[in-house]
């Protein structure tokens, strides 16, 4: 039986952690309800925003299990199933199929930079044996790129391959993929992972997005999507430019995804500290970023709710701040910028 094509906004959700750095299940469940209540079309656990590489295989399965259970069929689940090799990836596909997910998203092979032929062989092996539909995940900044001929070839040969999530932010690349594949597979889904260009991507024929910002301001992203989907592109672009300012602040002023974690805390969630340790300087910079994000959320009208961070975000100790200031002063003196 054919299933509905993947359409709309799928949230690559963050994973709240407790004080011991373990999955905070009650908070994750609360987050799932909050996202669904605010109109997201689907959920995408174990994406890059969810820091899937920083969890064990068992934890990754537990995350999807929690999300799928809490969603309870209200929205479809696109589960990240990328593991280090084909065998383990297929085991993940089998497990997630048992949870009733709509499809899995599989990133192109990472660490080793592979040729297009090797990328094709990797996905072909998975698609031929997966018990659940597969979405290709192109993120060339972290993994071997998936070029247009490879996407077309897989779409032609593999019925299980039902779409692609492209996080390159490359609008012409998306257009070329749509042009190459849609005449052969009209139901094939094209999702963008780059919210900085979501409205332009929708304009050229994209079906939706898997965007980290949707996990922070889902109500705004849903409104922007609905405007674009109804052809009201001028109004949608007004929101696009507002979202761009918030996106840039979260993405470029901290190591990904710490800026998004800080923003989600401002929406009232106990996100906890991520598993990547932070230096004292990074903690101090995050404190500054939180103030910037708080101002943006209010000034840009992203939320009518009170914006107040819950008290579990990392902060720098006073002695660390003093040491950082002294280091900066010393560097300025060495460069002759201070007497």
C-alpha atoms as a PDB file:
ATOM      1  CA  UNK A   1       0.000   0.000   0.000  1.00  0.00           C
ATOM      2  CA  UNK A   2       1.412   3.410  -0.976  1.00  0.00           C
ATOM      3  CA  UNK A   3       1.745   5.974   1.781  1.00  0.00           C
ATOM      4  CA  UNK A   4       1.324   9.723   1.675  1.00  0.00           C
ATOM      5  CA  UNK A   5       4.301  11.657   0.387  1.00  0.00           C
ATOM      6  CA  UNK A   6       6.392  13.580   2.885  1.00  0.00           C
ATOM      7  CA  UNK A   7       5.126  17.166   2.948  1.00  0.00           C
ATOM      8  CA  UNK A   8       5.462  20.132   5.274  1.00  0.00           C
ATOM      9  CA  UNK A   9       7.737  20.870   8.217  1.00  0.00           C
ATOM     10  CA  UNK A  10       9.483  18.003   9.993  1.00  0.00           C
ATOM     11  CA  UNK A  11      11.292  19.039  13.170  1.00  0.00           C
ATOM     12  CA  UNK A  12      14.857  17.789  13.713  1.00  0.00           C
ATOM     13  CA  UNK A  13      14.336  18.023  17.446  1.00  0.00           C
ATOM     14  CA  UNK A  14      16.931  18.673  20.116  1.00  0.00           C
ATOM     15  CA  UNK A  15      17.187  16.117  22.909  1.00  0.00           C
ATOM     16  CA  UNK A  16      16.849  17.560  26.435  1.00  0.00           C
ATOM     17  CA  UNK A  17      19.395  16.125  28.852  1.00  0.00           C
ATOM     18  CA  UNK A  18      19.315  15.903  32.634  1.00  0.00           C
ATOM     19  CA  UNK A  19      22.030  16.919  35.106  1.00  0.00           C
ATOM     20  CA  UNK A  20      23.841  13.613  34.521  1.00  0.00           C
ATOM     21  CA  UNK A  21      23.839  14.133  30.754  1.00  0.00           C
ATOM     22  CA  UNK A  22      21.240  11.414  30.185  1.00  0.00           C
ATOM     23  CA  UNK A  23      18.101  11.678  28.049  1.00  0.00           C
ATOM     24  CA  UNK A  24      15.500  13.683  29.960  1.00  0.00           C
ATOM     25  CA  UNK A  25      12.497  11.607  28.936  1.00  0.00           C
ATOM     26  CA  UNK A  26       9.725  13.662  30.620  1.00  0.00           C
ATOM     27  CA  UNK A  27      11.054  16.863  29.060  1.00  0.00           C
ATOM     28  CA  UNK A  28      11.436  15.233  25.642  1.00  0.00           C
ATOM     29  CA  UNK A  29       7.838  14.036  25.809  1.00  0.00           C
ATOM     30  CA  UNK A  30       6.672  17.517  26.815  1.00  0.00           C
ATOM     31  CA  UNK A  31       8.646  18.951  23.897  1.00  0.00           C
ATOM     32  CA  UNK A  32       6.979  16.549  21.439  1.00  0.00           C
ATOM     33  CA  UNK A  33       3.511  17.616  22.628  1.00  0.00           C
ATOM     34  CA  UNK A  34       4.476  21.290  22.445  1.00  0.00           C
ATOM     35  CA  UNK A  35       5.675  20.951  18.840  1.00  0.00           C
ATOM     36  CA  UNK A  36       2.592  19.046  17.707  1.00  0.00           C
ATOM     37  CA  UNK A  37       0.270  21.502  19.461  1.00  0.00           C
ATOM     38  CA  UNK A  38       1.933  24.316  17.497  1.00  0.00           C
ATOM     39  CA  UNK A  39       1.256  22.757  14.141  1.00  0.00           C
ATOM     40  CA  UNK A  40       4.362  20.981  12.927  1.00  0.00           C
ATOM     41  CA  UNK A  41       3.654  18.442  10.200  1.00  0.00           C
ATOM     42  CA  UNK A  42       6.074  15.782  11.427  1.00  0.00           C
ATOM     43  CA  UNK A  43       8.974  14.959  13.733  1.00  0.00           C
ATOM     44  CA  UNK A  44      12.539  14.060  12.823  1.00  0.00           C
ATOM     45  CA  UNK A  45      14.462  12.497  15.733  1.00  0.00           C
ATOM     46  CA  UNK A  46      18.158  11.668  15.329  1.00  0.00           C
ATOM     47  CA  UNK A  47      18.932  14.483  12.939  1.00  0.00           C
ATOM     48  CA  UNK A  48      21.994  16.718  13.076  1.00  0.00           C
ATOM     49  CA  UNK A  49      20.223  19.116  15.447  1.00  0.00           C
ATOM     50  CA  UNK A  50      19.529  16.123  17.673  1.00  0.00           C
ATOM     51  CA  UNK A  51      23.294  15.414  17.809  1.00  0.00           C
ATOM     52  CA  UNK A  52      22.776  11.793  16.777  1.00  0.00           C
ATOM     53  CA  UNK A  53      26.528  11.107  16.578  1.00  0.00           C
ATOM     54  CA  UNK A  54      26.885  11.956  20.293  1.00  0.00           C
ATOM     55  CA  UNK A  55      24.522   9.206  21.400  1.00  0.00           C
ATOM     56  CA  UNK A  56      25.054   5.455  21.476  1.00  0.00           C
ATOM     57  CA  UNK A  57      23.086   3.231  19.066  1.00  0.00           C
ATOM     58  CA  UNK A  58      20.916   2.151  21.992  1.00  0.00           C
ATOM     59  CA  UNK A  59      20.234   5.765  22.936  1.00  0.00           C
ATOM     60  CA  UNK A  60      19.358   6.659  19.352  1.00  0.00           C
ATOM     61  CA  UNK A  61      16.777   3.880  19.306  1.00  0.00           C
ATOM     62  CA  UNK A  62      15.421   5.006  22.649  1.00  0.00           C
ATOM     63  CA  UNK A  63      15.032   8.567  21.391  1.00  0.00           C
ATOM     64  CA  UNK A  64      12.961   7.442  18.406  1.00  0.00           C
ATOM     65  CA  UNK A  65      10.937   5.115  20.629  1.00  0.00           C
ATOM     66  CA  UNK A  66      10.079   7.980  23.002  1.00  0.00           C
ATOM     67  CA  UNK A  67       9.208  10.389  20.194  1.00  0.00           C
ATOM     68  CA  UNK A  68       7.075   7.866  18.311  1.00  0.00           C
ATOM     69  CA  UNK A  69       5.278   6.765  21.465  1.00  0.00           C
ATOM     70  CA  UNK A  70       4.512  10.313  22.562  1.00  0.00           C
ATOM     71  CA  UNK A  71       3.394  11.359  19.078  1.00  0.00           C
ATOM     72  CA  UNK A  72       0.971   8.443  19.099  1.00  0.00           C
ATOM     73  CA  UNK A  73       0.303   8.658  15.372  1.00  0.00           C
ATOM     74  CA  UNK A  74      -0.723  12.325  15.475  1.00  0.00           C
ATOM     75  CA  UNK A  75       2.045  13.237  13.025  1.00  0.00           C
ATOM     76  CA  UNK A  76       4.384  11.100  10.901  1.00  0.00           C
ATOM     77  CA  UNK A  77       7.905  10.330  12.080  1.00  0.00           C
ATOM     78  CA  UNK A  78      10.972  10.622   9.855  1.00  0.00           C
ATOM     79  CA  UNK A  79      13.628   8.822  11.916  1.00  0.00           C
ATOM     80  CA  UNK A  80      17.329   9.367  11.443  1.00  0.00           C
ATOM     81  CA  UNK A  81      18.770   5.867  10.924  1.00  0.00           C
ATOM     82  CA  UNK A  82      22.364   6.597   9.930  1.00  0.00           C
ATOM     83  CA  UNK A  83      24.912   4.281  11.490  1.00  0.00           C
ATOM     84  CA  UNK A  84      28.571   3.685  10.652  1.00  0.00           C
ATOM     85  CA  UNK A  85      27.980   0.940   8.088  1.00  0.00           C
ATOM     86  CA  UNK A  86      25.286  -0.699   5.977  1.00  0.00           C
ATOM     87  CA  UNK A  87      24.689  -3.639   8.327  1.00  0.00           C
ATOM     88  CA  UNK A  88      24.053  -1.478  11.399  1.00  0.00           C
ATOM     89  CA  UNK A  89      21.986   0.995   9.387  1.00  0.00           C
ATOM     90  CA  UNK A  90      19.706  -1.800   8.200  1.00  0.00           C
ATOM     91  CA  UNK A  91      19.313  -3.020  11.786  1.00  0.00           C
ATOM     92  CA  UNK A  92      18.218   0.492  12.716  1.00  0.00           C
ATOM     93  CA  UNK A  93      15.779   0.520   9.787  1.00  0.00           C
ATOM     94  CA  UNK A  94      14.254  -2.738  10.991  1.00  0.00           C
ATOM     95  CA  UNK A  95      13.867  -1.443  14.531  1.00  0.00           C
ATOM     96  CA  UNK A  96      12.281   1.842  13.469  1.00  0.00           C
ATOM     97  CA  UNK A  97       9.953   0.050  11.076  1.00  0.00           C
ATOM     98  CA  UNK A  98       8.688  -1.870  14.106  1.00  0.00           C
ATOM     99  CA  UNK A  99       7.903   1.449  15.786  1.00  0.00           C
ATOM    100  CA  UNK A 100       5.710   2.480  12.873  1.00  0.00           C
ATOM    101  CA  UNK A 101       7.761   5.406  11.569  1.00  0.00           C
ATOM    102  CA  UNK A 102       6.761   6.804   8.189  1.00  0.00           C
ATOM    103  CA  UNK A 103      10.303   6.709   6.787  1.00  0.00           C
ATOM    104  CA  UNK A 104      13.954   6.844   7.770  1.00  0.00           C
ATOM    105  CA  UNK A 105      16.512   9.483   6.830  1.00  0.00           C
ATOM    106  CA  UNK A 106      19.985   8.206   6.047  1.00  0.00           C
ATOM    107  CA  UNK A 107      22.964  10.475   5.684  1.00  0.00           C
ATOM    108  CA  UNK A 108      25.499   9.793   2.964  1.00  0.00           C
ATOM    109  CA  UNK A 109      28.641   7.978   4.198  1.00  0.00           C
ATOM    110  CA  UNK A 110      30.727  10.236   6.424  1.00  0.00           C
ATOM    111  CA  UNK A 111      34.384  10.398   7.484  1.00  0.00           C
ATOM    112  CA  UNK A 112      35.543   8.751   4.242  1.00  0.00           C
ATOM    113  CA  UNK A 113      34.983  11.020   1.237  1.00  0.00           C
ATOM    114  CA  UNK A 114      33.461   8.711  -1.358  1.00  0.00           C
ATOM    115  CA  UNK A 115      32.933   8.911  -5.116  1.00  0.00           C
ATOM    116  CA  UNK A 116      29.409   9.220  -6.584  1.00  0.00           C
ATOM    117  CA  UNK A 117      29.553   5.561  -7.590  1.00  0.00           C
ATOM    118  CA  UNK A 118      30.324   4.511  -4.017  1.00  0.00           C
ATOM    119  CA  UNK A 119      27.545   6.730  -2.680  1.00  0.00           C
ATOM    120  CA  UNK A 120      25.123   5.107  -5.133  1.00  0.00           C
ATOM    121  CA  UNK A 121      26.202   1.596  -4.100  1.00  0.00           C
ATOM    122  CA  UNK A 122      25.765   2.452  -0.411  1.00  0.00           C
ATOM    123  CA  UNK A 123      22.192   3.679  -0.774  1.00  0.00           C
ATOM    124  CA  UNK A 124      21.265   0.979  -3.281  1.00  0.00           C
ATOM    125  CA  UNK A 125      22.268  -1.745  -0.808  1.00  0.00           C
ATOM    126  CA  UNK A 126      20.202  -0.144   1.943  1.00  0.00           C
ATOM    127  CA  UNK A 127      17.167   0.567  -0.256  1.00  0.00           C
ATOM    128  CA  UNK A 128      17.091  -2.999  -1.574  1.00  0.00           C
ATOM    129  CA  UNK A 129      16.874  -4.447   1.940  1.00  0.00           C
ATOM    130  CA  UNK A 130      15.150  -1.823   4.089  1.00  0.00           C
ATOM    131  CA  UNK A 131      11.659  -2.722   5.392  1.00  0.00           C
ATOM    132  CA  UNK A 132      10.768   0.989   5.574  1.00  0.00           C
ATOM    133  CA  UNK A 133      10.882   3.865   3.094  1.00  0.00           C
ATOM    134  CA  UNK A 134      14.183   5.719   2.825  1.00  0.00           C
ATOM    135  CA  UNK A 135      14.885   9.434   2.512  1.00  0.00           C
ATOM    136  CA  UNK A 136      18.343  10.394   1.282  1.00  0.00           C
ATOM    137  CA  UNK A 137      20.117  12.988   3.412  1.00  0.00           C
ATOM    138  CA  UNK A 138      22.543  15.272   1.595  1.00  0.00           C
ATOM    139  CA  UNK A 139      24.714  17.335   3.930  1.00  0.00           C
ATOM    140  CA  UNK A 140      27.963  17.901   2.017  1.00  0.00           C
ATOM    141  CA  UNK A 141      29.600  19.911   4.807  1.00  0.00           C
ATOM    142  CA  UNK A 142      29.723  16.729   6.912  1.00  0.00           C
ATOM    143  CA  UNK A 143      29.396  13.782   4.528  1.00  0.00           C
ATOM    144  CA  UNK A 144      29.991  12.607   0.977  1.00  0.00           C
ATOM    145  CA  UNK A 145      27.798  14.700  -1.340  1.00  0.00           C
ATOM    146  CA  UNK A 146      24.908  13.162  -3.271  1.00  0.00           C
ATOM    147  CA  UNK A 147      24.969  14.592  -6.786  1.00  0.00           C
ATOM    148  CA  UNK A 148      22.003  14.975  -9.115  1.00  0.00           C
ATOM    149  CA  UNK A 149      22.743  11.935 -11.342  1.00  0.00           C
ATOM    150  CA  UNK A 150      22.964   9.743  -8.227  1.00  0.00           C
ATOM    151  CA  UNK A 151      19.630  11.019  -6.890  1.00  0.00           C
ATOM    152  CA  UNK A 152      17.991  10.386 -10.261  1.00  0.00           C
ATOM    153  CA  UNK A 153      19.518   6.908 -10.521  1.00  0.00           C
ATOM    154  CA  UNK A 154      18.351   5.896  -7.059  1.00  0.00           C
ATOM    155  CA  UNK A 155      14.881   7.344  -7.688  1.00  0.00           C
ATOM    156  CA  UNK A 156      14.614   5.314 -10.907  1.00  0.00           C
ATOM    157  CA  UNK A 157      15.872   2.027  -9.495  1.00  0.00           C
ATOM    158  CA  UNK A 158      14.690   2.015  -5.877  1.00  0.00           C
ATOM    159  CA  UNK A 159      10.973   2.327  -5.037  1.00  0.00           C
ATOM    160  CA  UNK A 160      11.923   2.453  -1.346  1.00  0.00           C
ATOM    161  CA  UNK A 161      13.788   5.733  -1.889  1.00  0.00           C
ATOM    162  CA  UNK A 162      10.926   8.229  -1.540  1.00  0.00           C
ATOM    163  CA  UNK A 163      12.651  11.567  -1.089  1.00  0.00           C
ATOM    164  CA  UNK A 164      15.702  13.598  -0.253  1.00  0.00           C
ATOM    165  CA  UNK A 165      16.549  16.032   2.498  1.00  0.00           C
ATOM    166  CA  UNK A 166      19.106  18.500   1.197  1.00  0.00           C
ATOM    167  CA  UNK A 167      20.977  20.680   3.695  1.00  0.00           C
ATOM    168  CA  UNK A 168      23.373  22.297   1.260  1.00  0.00           C
ATOM    169  CA  UNK A 169      21.286  25.466   1.009  1.00  0.00           C
ATOM    170  CA  UNK A 170      22.078  25.409  -2.717  1.00  0.00           C
ATOM    171  CA  UNK A 171      18.947  26.618  -4.540  1.00  0.00           C
ATOM    172  CA  UNK A 172      20.141  25.744  -8.084  1.00  0.00           C
ATOM    173  CA  UNK A 173      21.088  22.255  -6.860  1.00  0.00           C
ATOM    174  CA  UNK A 174      17.573  21.764  -5.514  1.00  0.00           C
ATOM    175  CA  UNK A 175      16.093  22.974  -8.815  1.00  0.00           C
ATOM    176  CA  UNK A 176      18.257  20.565 -10.789  1.00  0.00           C
ATOM    177  CA  UNK A 177      17.209  17.646  -8.587  1.00  0.00           C
ATOM    178  CA  UNK A 178      13.526  18.492  -8.976  1.00  0.00           C
ATOM    179  CA  UNK A 179      13.928  18.878 -12.719  1.00  0.00           C
ATOM    180  CA  UNK A 180      15.740  15.524 -13.005  1.00  0.00           C
ATOM    181  CA  UNK A 181      13.504  13.424 -10.743  1.00  0.00           C
ATOM    182  CA  UNK A 182       9.968  14.784 -10.624  1.00  0.00           C
ATOM    183  CA  UNK A 183       9.021  13.768 -14.208  1.00  0.00           C
ATOM    184  CA  UNK A 184       9.967  10.170 -13.286  1.00  0.00           C
ATOM    185  CA  UNK A 185       8.621  10.131  -9.714  1.00  0.00           C
ATOM    186  CA  UNK A 186       5.929  12.801  -9.176  1.00  0.00           C
ATOM    187  CA  UNK A 187       5.450  11.609  -5.581  1.00  0.00           C
ATOM    188  CA  UNK A 188       9.160  11.929  -4.718  1.00  0.00           C
ATOM    189  CA  UNK A 189       9.624  14.395  -1.839  1.00  0.00           C
ATOM    190  CA  UNK A 190      12.136  17.234  -1.779  1.00  0.00           C
ATOM    191  CA  UNK A 191      12.821  18.683   1.671  1.00  0.00           C
ATOM    192  CA  UNK A 192      15.259  21.475   2.456  1.00  0.00           C
ATOM    193  CA  UNK A 193      17.324  21.469   5.620  1.00  0.00           C
ATOM    194  CA  UNK A 194      18.260  25.132   5.209  1.00  0.00           C
ATOM    195  CA  UNK A 195      15.606  27.438   6.660  1.00  0.00           C
ATOM    196  CA  UNK A 196      17.495  30.539   5.545  1.00  0.00           C
ATOM    197  CA  UNK A 197      16.025  29.839   2.105  1.00  0.00           C
ATOM    198  CA  UNK A 198      12.833  27.934   2.946  1.00  0.00           C
ATOM    199  CA  UNK A 199      10.411  30.221   1.092  1.00  0.00           C
ATOM    200  CA  UNK A 200      12.538  30.388  -2.089  1.00  0.00           C
ATOM    201  CA  UNK A 201      12.888  26.597  -1.933  1.00  0.00           C
ATOM    202  CA  UNK A 202       9.107  26.212  -1.676  1.00  0.00           C
ATOM    203  CA  UNK A 203       8.684  28.602  -4.577  1.00  0.00           C
ATOM    204  CA  UNK A 204      10.798  26.424  -6.899  1.00  0.00           C
ATOM    205  CA  UNK A 205       8.885  23.264  -5.983  1.00  0.00           C
ATOM    206  CA  UNK A 206      10.275  21.985  -2.689  1.00  0.00           C
ATOM    207  CA  UNK A 207       7.757  20.035  -0.588  1.00  0.00           C
ATOM    208  CA  UNK A 208       8.818  21.243   2.848  1.00  0.00           C
ATOM    209  CA  UNK A 209      11.704  21.376   5.228  1.00  0.00           C
ATOM    210  CA  UNK A 210      13.520  19.765   8.129  1.00  0.00           C
ATOM    211  CA  UNK A 211      14.645  22.888   9.904  1.00  0.00           C
ATOM    212  CA  UNK A 212      16.174  23.390  13.335  1.00  0.00           C
ATOM    213  CA  UNK A 213      14.430  26.752  13.693  1.00  0.00           C
ATOM    214  CA  UNK A 214      11.057  24.990  13.497  1.00  0.00           C
ATOM    215  CA  UNK A 215      11.988  23.396  16.824  1.00  0.00           C
ATOM    216  CA  UNK A 216      12.379  26.863  18.378  1.00  0.00           C
ATOM    217  CA  UNK A 217       9.551  28.917  16.846  1.00  0.00           C
ATOM    218  CA  UNK A 218       7.223  26.291  15.339  1.00  0.00           C
ATOM    219  CA  UNK A 219       4.258  28.645  15.215  1.00  0.00           C
ATOM    220  CA  UNK A 220       6.191  31.173  13.118  1.00  0.00           C
ATOM    221  CA  UNK A 221       7.644  28.562  10.767  1.00  0.00           C
ATOM    222  CA  UNK A 222       4.207  26.992  10.257  1.00  0.00           C
ATOM    223  CA  UNK A 223       2.706  30.393   9.424  1.00  0.00           C
ATOM    224  CA  UNK A 224       5.521  31.063   6.951  1.00  0.00           C
ATOM    225  CA  UNK A 225       4.997  27.668   5.320  1.00  0.00           C
ATOM    226  CA  UNK A 226       1.232  28.151   5.061  1.00  0.00           C
ATOM    227  CA  UNK A 227       1.641  31.561   3.458  1.00  0.00           C
ATOM    228  CA  UNK A 228       4.057  30.189   0.872  1.00  0.00           C
ATOM    229  CA  UNK A 229       1.918  27.103   0.225  1.00  0.00           C
ATOM    230  CA  UNK A 230      -1.086  29.334  -0.505  1.00  0.00           C
ATOM    231  CA  UNK A 231       0.902  31.490  -2.919  1.00  0.00           C
ATOM    232  CA  UNK A 232       1.248  34.493  -0.590  1.00  0.00           C
ATOM    233  CA  UNK A 233       4.967  34.788  -1.196  1.00  0.00           C
ATOM    234  CA  UNK A 234       5.333  38.485  -0.370  1.00  0.00           C
ATOM    235  CA  UNK A 235       3.946  37.934   3.136  1.00  0.00           C
ATOM    236  CA  UNK A 236       5.940  34.716   3.499  1.00  0.00           C
ATOM    237  CA  UNK A 237       9.157  36.553   2.610  1.00  0.00           C
ATOM    238  CA  UNK A 238       8.509  39.122   5.313  1.00  0.00           C
ATOM    239  CA  UNK A 239       8.615  36.282   7.830  1.00  0.00           C
ATOM    240  CA  UNK A 240      11.563  34.695   6.009  1.00  0.00           C
ATOM    241  CA  UNK A 241      13.718  37.750   6.665  1.00  0.00           C
ATOM    242  CA  UNK A 242      12.745  37.771  10.340  1.00  0.00           C
ATOM    243  CA  UNK A 243      13.560  34.074  10.641  1.00  0.00           C
ATOM    244  CA  UNK A 244      16.877  34.686   8.880  1.00  0.00           C
ATOM    245  CA  UNK A 245      17.974  37.063  11.628  1.00  0.00           C
ATOM    246  CA  UNK A 246      17.148  34.533  14.351  1.00  0.00           C
ATOM    247  CA  UNK A 247      18.686  31.643  12.388  1.00  0.00           C
ATOM    248  CA  UNK A 248      21.954  33.514  11.850  1.00  0.00           C
ATOM    249  CA  UNK A 249      22.179  34.366  15.545  1.00  0.00           C
ATOM    250  CA  UNK A 250      21.633  30.741  16.603  1.00  0.00           C
ATOM    251  CA  UNK A 251      23.881  29.195  13.954  1.00  0.00           C
ATOM    252  CA  UNK A 252      26.860  31.513  13.616  1.00  0.00           C
ATOM    253  CA  UNK A 253      27.481  32.773  17.152  1.00  0.00           C
ATOM    254  CA  UNK A 254      28.007  29.368  18.783  1.00  0.00           C
ATOM    255  CA  UNK A 255      29.097  25.890  17.803  1.00  0.00           C
ATOM    256  CA  UNK A 256      26.118  24.037  16.334  1.00  0.00           C
ATOM    257  CA  UNK A 257      23.657  23.267  17.860  1.00  0.00           C
ATOM    258  CA  UNK A 258      24.420  25.139  21.097  1.00  0.00           C
ATOM    259  CA  UNK A 259      22.717  28.315  19.880  1.00  0.00           C
ATOM    260  CA  UNK A 260      19.505  26.381  19.229  1.00  0.00           C
ATOM    261  CA  UNK A 261      19.771  24.706  22.638  1.00  0.00           C
ATOM    262  CA  UNK A 262      20.070  28.140  24.264  1.00  0.00           C
ATOM    263  CA  UNK A 263      17.054  29.420  22.321  1.00  0.00           C
ATOM    264  CA  UNK A 264      14.912  26.430  23.261  1.00  0.00           C
ATOM    265  CA  UNK A 265      15.694  27.059  26.921  1.00  0.00           C
ATOM    266  CA  UNK A 266      14.268  30.541  26.425  1.00  0.00           C
ATOM    267  CA  UNK A 267      11.026  28.914  25.275  1.00  0.00           C
ATOM    268  CA  UNK A 268      10.750  27.298  28.700  1.00  0.00           C
ATOM    269  CA  UNK A 269      12.408  23.886  28.306  1.00  0.00           C
ATOM    270  CA  UNK A 270      15.067  22.317  30.506  1.00  0.00           C
ATOM    271  CA  UNK A 271      17.437  21.506  27.696  1.00  0.00           C
ATOM    272  CA  UNK A 272      20.442  20.767  29.881  1.00  0.00           C
ATOM    273  CA  UNK A 273      24.043  20.998  28.717  1.00  0.00           C
ATOM    274  CA  UNK A 274      24.996  19.255  25.490  1.00  0.00           C
ATOM    275  CA  UNK A 275      27.415  16.349  25.456  1.00  0.00           C
ATOM    276  CA  UNK A 276      30.164  18.340  23.789  1.00  0.00           C
ATOM    277  CA  UNK A 277      32.147  19.976  26.637  1.00  0.00           C
ATOM    278  CA  UNK A 278      32.344  23.759  26.545  1.00  0.00           C
ATOM    279  CA  UNK A 279      35.331  25.876  27.446  1.00  0.00           C
ATOM    280  CA  UNK A 280      34.913  28.750  29.927  1.00  0.00           C
ATOM    281  CA  UNK A 281      35.130  31.184  27.006  1.00  0.00           C
ATOM    282  CA  UNK A 282      32.333  29.369  25.169  1.00  0.00           C
ATOM    283  CA  UNK A 283      30.156  29.442  28.274  1.00  0.00           C
ATOM    284  CA  UNK A 284      30.641  33.177  28.581  1.00  0.00           C
ATOM    285  CA  UNK A 285      29.836  33.681  24.886  1.00  0.00           C
ATOM    286  CA  UNK A 286      26.666  31.602  25.281  1.00  0.00           C
ATOM    287  CA  UNK A 287      25.592  33.903  28.094  1.00  0.00           C
ATOM    288  CA  UNK A 288      25.878  36.845  25.713  1.00  0.00           C
ATOM    289  CA  UNK A 289      24.088  34.914  22.978  1.00  0.00           C
ATOM    290  CA  UNK A 290      21.183  34.137  25.289  1.00  0.00           C
ATOM    291  CA  UNK A 291      20.604  37.839  25.825  1.00  0.00           C
ATOM    292  CA  UNK A 292      20.705  38.436  22.064  1.00  0.00           C
ATOM    293  CA  UNK A 293      18.261  35.609  21.421  1.00  0.00           C
ATOM    294  CA  UNK A 294      15.943  36.772  24.173  1.00  0.00           C
ATOM    295  CA  UNK A 295      15.826  40.227  22.621  1.00  0.00           C
ATOM    296  CA  UNK A 296      15.245  38.831  19.128  1.00  0.00           C
ATOM    297  CA  UNK A 297      12.425  36.563  20.243  1.00  0.00           C
ATOM    298  CA  UNK A 298      10.630  39.521  21.779  1.00  0.00           C
ATOM    299  CA  UNK A 299      11.488  42.315  19.334  1.00  0.00           C
ATOM    300  CA  UNK A 300      10.722  40.297  16.211  1.00  0.00           C
ATOM    301  CA  UNK A 301       7.422  39.125  17.647  1.00  0.00           C
ATOM    302  CA  UNK A 302       8.329  35.451  17.446  1.00  0.00           C
ATOM    303  CA  UNK A 303       6.340  34.665  20.555  1.00  0.00           C
ATOM    304  CA  UNK A 304       3.697  36.284  22.684  1.00  0.00           C
ATOM    305  CA  UNK A 305       4.719  34.139  25.633  1.00  0.00           C
ATOM    306  CA  UNK A 306       7.040  35.217  28.382  1.00  0.00           C
ATOM    307  CA  UNK A 307      10.600  34.554  27.275  1.00  0.00           C
ATOM    308  CA  UNK A 308      12.484  33.372  30.313  1.00  0.00           C
ATOM    309  CA  UNK A 309      15.255  30.851  30.442  1.00  0.00           C
ATOM    310  CA  UNK A 310      14.910  27.923  32.820  1.00  0.00           C
ATOM    311  CA  UNK A 311      17.831  27.716  35.267  1.00  0.00           C
ATOM    312  CA  UNK A 312      19.965  24.938  33.881  1.00  0.00           C
ATOM    313  CA  UNK A 313      22.010  26.565  31.115  1.00  0.00           C
ATOM    314  CA  UNK A 314      25.810  26.445  31.530  1.00  0.00           C
ATOM    315  CA  UNK A 315      27.435  29.561  32.923  1.00  0.00           C
ATOM    316  CA  UNK A 316      31.023  30.533  33.466  1.00  0.00           C
ATOM    317  CA  UNK A 317      32.392  30.848  36.992  1.00  0.00           C
ATOM    318  CA  UNK A 318      33.619  34.328  38.035  1.00  0.00           C
ATOM    319  CA  UNK A 319      37.226  33.131  38.174  1.00  0.00           C
ATOM    320  CA  UNK A 320      36.909  31.832  34.612  1.00  0.00           C
ATOM    321  CA  UNK A 321      35.589  35.190  33.432  1.00  0.00           C
ATOM    322  CA  UNK A 322      38.504  36.990  35.127  1.00  0.00           C
ATOM    323  CA  UNK A 323      41.006  34.647  33.513  1.00  0.00           C
ATOM    324  CA  UNK A 324      39.482  35.138  30.057  1.00  0.00           C
ATOM    325  CA  UNK A 325      39.553  38.918  30.444  1.00  0.00           C
ATOM    326  CA  UNK A 326      43.218  38.765  31.472  1.00  0.00           C
ATOM    327  CA  UNK A 327      44.062  36.607  28.454  1.00  0.00           C
ATOM    328  CA  UNK A 328      42.319  39.025  26.089  1.00  0.00           C
ATOM    329  CA  UNK A 329      44.084  42.005  27.667  1.00  0.00           C
ATOM    330  CA  UNK A 330      47.447  40.261  27.332  1.00  0.00           C
ATOM    331  CA  UNK A 331      46.822  39.526  23.656  1.00  0.00           C
ATOM    332  CA  UNK A 332      45.872  43.150  23.001  1.00  0.00           C
ATOM    333  CA  UNK A 333      49.064  44.339  24.702  1.00  0.00           C
ATOM    334  CA  UNK A 334      51.195  41.946  22.649  1.00  0.00           C
ATOM    335  CA  UNK A 335      49.653  43.371  19.479  1.00  0.00           C
ATOM    336  CA  UNK A 336      50.378  46.918  20.632  1.00  0.00           C
ATOM    337  CA  UNK A 337      46.722  47.801  20.957  1.00  0.00           C
ATOM    338  CA  UNK A 338      47.028  48.583  24.673  1.00  0.00           C
ATOM    339  CA  UNK A 339      49.819  50.383  26.586  1.00  0.00           C
END
